Amino acid sequence: MRRTLEPTVIRIENATVRFNMASEKIDNIKEYFVKLVKGQLRFQEFLALKNINFEVKQGESWGIVGSNGAGKSTLLRLICGIIAPDTGSVNITGSISPMLELGAGFDPELTAGENIYLEGALLGHSRAFMREHYNEIVEFSELADFMNIPIKNYSTGMRARMAFSVATVVRPEILVVDEVLAVGDAAFKRKCENKIQEMLKSATTLLLVSHSNDQIERLCEKALWLRKGKAVMTGGAKEVCAAYAEYYQ
């Protein structure tokens, strides 16, 4: 029997995000600042998101599809509070566990073991909590032999393992994943997907950006298709992914 969904946890209304892009070639940072101080730097306005309306209820799993530059990552950063809309509103209810960049909070000079505590602190966990769950994180990451190595020497796949293991050590209310599962070996990807599916059974809300329609269909019930900053289609994941794939054939 299908569970009853809780109230809305993400509500975006008429949100627009603007970026200013330099409209002329700048060869170096010095030239950039000289022109900026003299008021000679010209910018071109770029609308990354245009009048987005998006509502997500607790326990729903949403995939976000679109080509490069469609606004997918911008939308996730808007939801995570990293950027604010120029117009419109964004309302979030619940704590967010973001996985937007591979180990964005990692210090490359610290060991992997030290970075577990650092990343945990950035996610709001106490040192005592991280100490309690340290072995669980290491075991899931399958990197026990590499804990004393500086994270700068990790491959992208190893960073992904560590980032995912720390971010999911507790069941987050809202899990936001931006292409992190695109790297690493197939076996660990399946392990991560299984972990996500377990969390979904416990009413975790999922927002997943992926260029893999198959992955979106496996993990998500619904999908949003973005094109050039605009919402093209929302609906069932299979229907949206099929329309998206057909458009680019």
Protein backbone atom coordinates (compact mmCIF):
# COMPACT_ATOMS: atom_id res chain seq x y z
CA MET A 1 0.00 0.00 0.00
CA ARG A 2 1.35 3.43 -0.96
CA ARG A 3 2.25 5.66 1.99
CA THR A 4 0.47 8.95 2.59
CA LEU A 5 2.75 11.86 1.76
CA GLU A 6 3.36 14.61 4.27
CA PRO A 7 2.93 18.33 3.52
CA THR A 8 5.09 20.27 1.10
CA VAL A 9 8.76 20.58 2.06
CA ILE A 10 9.93 22.59 -0.98
CA ARG A 11 7.89 25.34 -2.58
CA ILE A 12 9.36 27.59 -5.26
CA GLU A 13 7.14 30.28 -6.74
CA ASN A 14 7.99 32.37 -9.81
CA ALA A 15 11.71 32.18 -9.06
CA THR A 16 14.16 33.87 -11.41
CA VAL A 17 17.96 33.82 -11.03
CA ARG A 18 20.14 36.28 -12.94
CA PHE A 19 23.90 36.16 -13.42
CA ASN A 20 26.11 38.87 -14.88
CA MET A 21 28.66 37.55 -17.36
CA ALA A 22 31.60 39.58 -18.68
CA SER A 23 30.83 40.39 -22.32
CA GLU A 24 34.45 40.99 -23.34
CA LYS A 25 37.63 38.95 -23.25
CA ILE A 26 39.77 39.49 -20.15
CA ASP A 27 43.27 38.03 -20.34
CA ASN A 28 44.16 38.09 -16.65
CA ILE A 29 42.86 38.96 -13.17
CA LYS A 30 44.81 42.24 -13.04
CA GLU A 31 43.12 43.50 -16.20
CA TYR A 32 39.74 42.43 -14.81
CA PHE A 33 40.13 44.45 -11.60
CA VAL A 34 41.56 47.50 -13.38
CA LYS A 35 38.56 47.63 -15.69
CA LEU A 36 36.20 46.92 -12.81
CA VAL A 37 37.59 49.84 -10.72
CA LYS A 38 37.49 52.19 -13.71
CA GLY A 39 33.94 51.16 -14.54
CA GLN A 40 35.04 49.89 -17.95
CA LEU A 41 33.91 46.31 -17.47
CA ARG A 42 30.79 45.46 -19.41
CA PHE A 43 28.45 42.67 -18.40
CA GLN A 44 25.78 40.72 -20.18
CA GLU A 45 22.80 39.54 -18.14
CA PHE A 46 22.14 35.81 -18.18
CA LEU A 47 18.91 34.29 -16.87
CA ALA A 48 19.88 30.95 -15.33
CA LEU A 49 16.31 30.25 -14.15
CA LYS A 50 13.14 31.87 -15.45
CA ASN A 51 9.90 31.97 -13.47
CA ILE A 52 10.29 28.51 -11.94
CA ASN A 53 7.37 27.03 -10.01
CA PHE A 54 8.21 23.79 -8.26
CA GLU A 55 6.61 21.95 -5.34
CA VAL A 56 7.91 18.85 -3.59
CA LYS A 57 6.17 16.95 -0.81
CA GLN A 58 7.87 15.01 1.96
CA GLY A 59 8.93 11.57 0.84
CA GLU A 60 8.79 12.32 -2.88
CA SER A 61 11.71 11.48 -5.12
CA TRP A 62 12.37 13.89 -7.99
CA GLY A 63 14.85 13.64 -10.83
CA ILE A 64 15.93 16.80 -12.65
CA VAL A 65 16.94 16.38 -16.27
CA GLY A 66 18.24 18.75 -18.92
CA SER A 67 21.26 19.43 -21.09
CA ASN A 68 24.37 21.22 -19.83
CA GLY A 69 23.54 24.82 -18.95
CA ALA A 70 19.83 24.13 -18.55
CA GLY A 71 19.81 25.40 -14.94
CA LYS A 72 19.81 22.10 -13.03
CA SER A 73 22.69 22.88 -10.67
CA THR A 74 21.45 26.44 -10.23
CA LEU A 75 18.09 25.09 -9.10
CA LEU A 76 19.74 22.82 -6.53
CA ARG A 77 21.84 25.70 -5.20
CA LEU A 78 18.69 27.77 -4.91
CA ILE A 79 17.03 25.01 -2.89
CA CYS A 80 20.10 24.58 -0.66
CA GLY A 81 20.19 28.31 0.11
CA ILE A 82 23.57 28.90 -1.56
CA ILE A 83 22.05 31.54 -3.83
CA ALA A 84 18.86 33.59 -3.53
CA PRO A 85 16.31 34.28 -6.26
CA ASP A 86 16.28 37.73 -7.87
CA THR A 87 12.50 37.49 -8.00
CA GLY A 88 10.02 35.02 -6.54
CA SER A 89 10.28 32.98 -3.37
CA VAL A 90 11.81 29.75 -2.07
CA ASN A 91 10.45 28.07 1.06
CA ILE A 92 12.08 24.97 2.56
CA THR A 93 10.80 22.92 5.50
CA GLY A 94 13.30 20.42 6.88
CA SER A 95 17.06 19.92 6.99
CA ILE A 96 18.99 19.46 3.76
CA SER A 97 21.96 17.16 3.19
CA PRO A 98 23.57 18.53 0.00
CA MET A 99 25.91 16.64 -2.30
CA LEU A 100 26.51 19.30 -4.93
CA GLU A 101 30.23 18.90 -5.56
CA LEU A 102 32.57 16.05 -4.80
CA GLY A 103 33.93 16.74 -1.34
CA ALA A 104 33.31 20.48 -1.58
CA GLY A 105 34.07 20.82 2.15
CA PHE A 106 37.18 18.64 2.12
CA ASP A 107 40.58 20.14 2.96
CA PRO A 108 42.98 18.60 0.42
CA GLU A 109 45.92 18.77 2.82
CA LEU A 110 44.15 16.79 5.56
CA THR A 111 43.88 13.02 5.63
CA ALA A 112 40.64 11.30 4.70
CA GLY A 113 40.09 10.43 8.35
CA GLU A 114 40.48 14.06 9.41
CA ASN A 115 38.17 15.18 6.63
CA ILE A 116 35.41 12.93 7.94
CA TYR A 117 35.25 15.11 11.05
CA LEU A 118 35.55 18.32 9.02
CA GLU A 119 32.76 17.38 6.62
CA GLY A 120 30.61 16.21 9.52
CA ALA A 121 31.03 19.58 11.24
CA LEU A 122 29.95 21.36 8.05
CA LEU A 123 26.83 19.21 8.01
CA GLY A 124 26.07 20.21 11.60
CA HIS A 125 27.21 17.05 13.38
CA SER A 126 29.18 17.19 16.63
CA ARG A 127 32.63 15.65 16.94
CA ALA A 128 31.22 13.11 19.40
CA PHE A 129 28.58 12.10 16.86
CA MET A 130 31.19 11.69 14.12
CA ARG A 131 33.41 9.67 16.44
CA GLU A 132 30.47 7.38 17.18
CA HIS A 133 29.75 6.83 13.47
CA TYR A 134 33.33 6.95 12.19
CA ASN A 135 33.67 3.20 11.66
CA GLU A 136 30.28 3.04 9.95
CA ILE A 137 31.36 5.74 7.48
CA VAL A 138 34.69 4.05 6.76
CA GLU A 139 33.06 0.66 6.32
CA PHE A 140 30.49 1.98 3.84
CA SER A 141 33.13 3.87 1.86
CA GLU A 142 35.30 0.73 1.60
CA LEU A 143 38.37 2.96 2.02
CA ALA A 144 39.70 1.66 5.34
CA ASP A 145 43.21 1.24 3.91
CA PHE A 146 43.36 4.86 2.75
CA MET A 147 42.25 6.83 5.82
CA ASN A 148 45.72 8.22 6.56
CA ILE A 149 46.28 9.49 3.01
CA PRO A 150 45.71 13.21 2.22
CA ILE A 151 42.44 13.64 0.38
CA LYS A 152 44.29 15.49 -2.42
CA ASN A 153 45.70 12.12 -3.45
CA TYR A 154 42.25 10.55 -3.80
CA SER A 155 40.76 9.86 -7.20
CA THR A 156 37.38 11.40 -8.06
CA GLY A 157 35.77 8.02 -7.43
CA MET A 158 37.32 7.79 -3.97
CA ARG A 159 36.17 11.33 -3.15
CA ALA A 160 32.66 10.40 -4.22
CA ARG A 161 32.72 7.37 -1.93
CA MET A 162 33.80 9.48 1.04
CA ALA A 163 31.38 12.34 0.35
CA PHE A 164 28.40 10.01 -0.01
CA SER A 165 29.35 7.99 3.07
CA VAL A 166 29.52 11.09 5.27
CA ALA A 167 26.41 12.77 3.84
CA THR A 168 24.24 9.71 4.42
CA VAL A 169 25.53 8.59 7.83
CA VAL A 170 22.14 9.66 9.16
CA ARG A 171 18.85 9.67 7.32
CA PRO A 172 18.54 13.21 5.95
CA GLU A 173 15.14 14.84 5.67
CA ILE A 174 16.01 16.17 2.21
CA LEU A 175 18.86 14.63 0.19
CA VAL A 176 20.11 16.73 -2.73
CA VAL A 177 22.45 14.96 -5.15
CA ASP A 178 24.07 16.65 -8.16
CA GLU A 179 25.80 14.14 -10.45
CA VAL A 180 27.86 12.69 -7.59
CA LEU A 181 26.76 9.17 -8.52
CA ALA A 182 28.12 9.62 -12.04
CA VAL A 183 31.66 8.69 -10.95
CA GLY A 184 33.12 5.59 -9.38
CA ASP A 185 32.78 1.91 -10.15
CA ALA A 186 29.50 0.20 -10.98
CA ALA A 187 29.41 -1.87 -7.78
CA PHE A 188 29.67 1.17 -5.52
CA LYS A 189 27.06 3.04 -7.58
CA ARG A 190 24.63 0.18 -6.94
CA LYS A 191 25.52 0.28 -3.26
CA CYS A 192 24.73 4.02 -3.15
CA GLU A 193 21.46 3.53 -5.01
CA ASN A 194 20.45 0.82 -2.54
CA LYS A 195 21.21 3.19 0.34
CA ILE A 196 19.08 5.90 -1.27
CA GLN A 197 16.20 3.48 -1.81
CA GLU A 198 16.37 2.52 1.89
CA MET A 199 16.18 6.19 2.85
CA LEU A 200 13.22 6.75 0.55
CA LYS A 201 11.33 4.04 2.43
CA SER A 202 11.84 6.12 5.58
CA ALA A 203 10.28 9.23 3.99
CA THR A 204 13.51 10.97 2.97
CA THR A 205 12.86 13.46 0.17
CA LEU A 206 15.20 13.12 -2.82
CA LEU A 207 16.28 15.61 -5.48
CA LEU A 208 18.62 14.00 -8.00
CA VAL A 209 20.35 15.58 -10.98
CA SER A 210 21.66 13.00 -13.41
CA HIS A 211 22.38 12.66 -17.11
CA SER A 212 21.37 9.01 -16.83
CA ASN A 213 17.68 8.57 -17.59
CA ASP A 214 17.93 4.97 -16.38
CA GLN A 215 19.18 6.14 -12.99
CA ILE A 216 16.43 8.75 -12.75
CA GLU A 217 13.80 6.12 -13.53
CA ARG A 218 15.25 3.67 -10.99
CA LEU A 219 15.39 6.13 -8.10
CA CYS A 220 12.72 8.72 -8.79
CA GLU A 221 8.95 8.68 -9.03
CA LYS A 222 8.74 12.14 -10.60
CA ALA A 223 10.90 14.33 -12.80
CA LEU A 224 11.36 17.95 -13.84
CA TRP A 225 12.79 18.80 -17.27
CA LEU A 226 14.65 22.11 -17.57
CA ARG A 227 15.68 23.74 -20.83
CA LYS A 228 17.46 27.11 -21.01
CA GLY A 229 16.38 27.94 -17.48
CA LYS A 230 12.71 27.17 -18.01
CA ALA A 231 10.59 24.29 -16.77
CA VAL A 232 9.50 22.36 -19.86
CA MET A 233 7.67 19.46 -18.25
CA THR A 234 6.93 17.85 -14.89
CA GLY A 235 5.31 14.49 -14.25
CA GLY A 236 6.12 10.82 -13.82
CA ALA A 237 9.82 10.06 -14.18
CA LYS A 238 9.36 7.62 -17.06
CA GLU A 239 7.14 9.99 -19.04
CA VAL A 240 9.42 13.00 -18.55
CA CYS A 241 12.59 11.03 -19.34
CA ALA A 242 10.98 9.61 -22.48
CA ALA A 243 9.97 13.07 -23.70
CA TYR A 244 13.43 14.45 -22.91
CA ALA A 245 15.17 11.60 -24.77
CA GLU A 246 12.86 11.96 -27.77
CA TYR A 247 13.50 15.71 -27.98
CA TYR A 248 17.25 15.20 -28.37
CA GLN A 249 17.10 12.27 -30.78
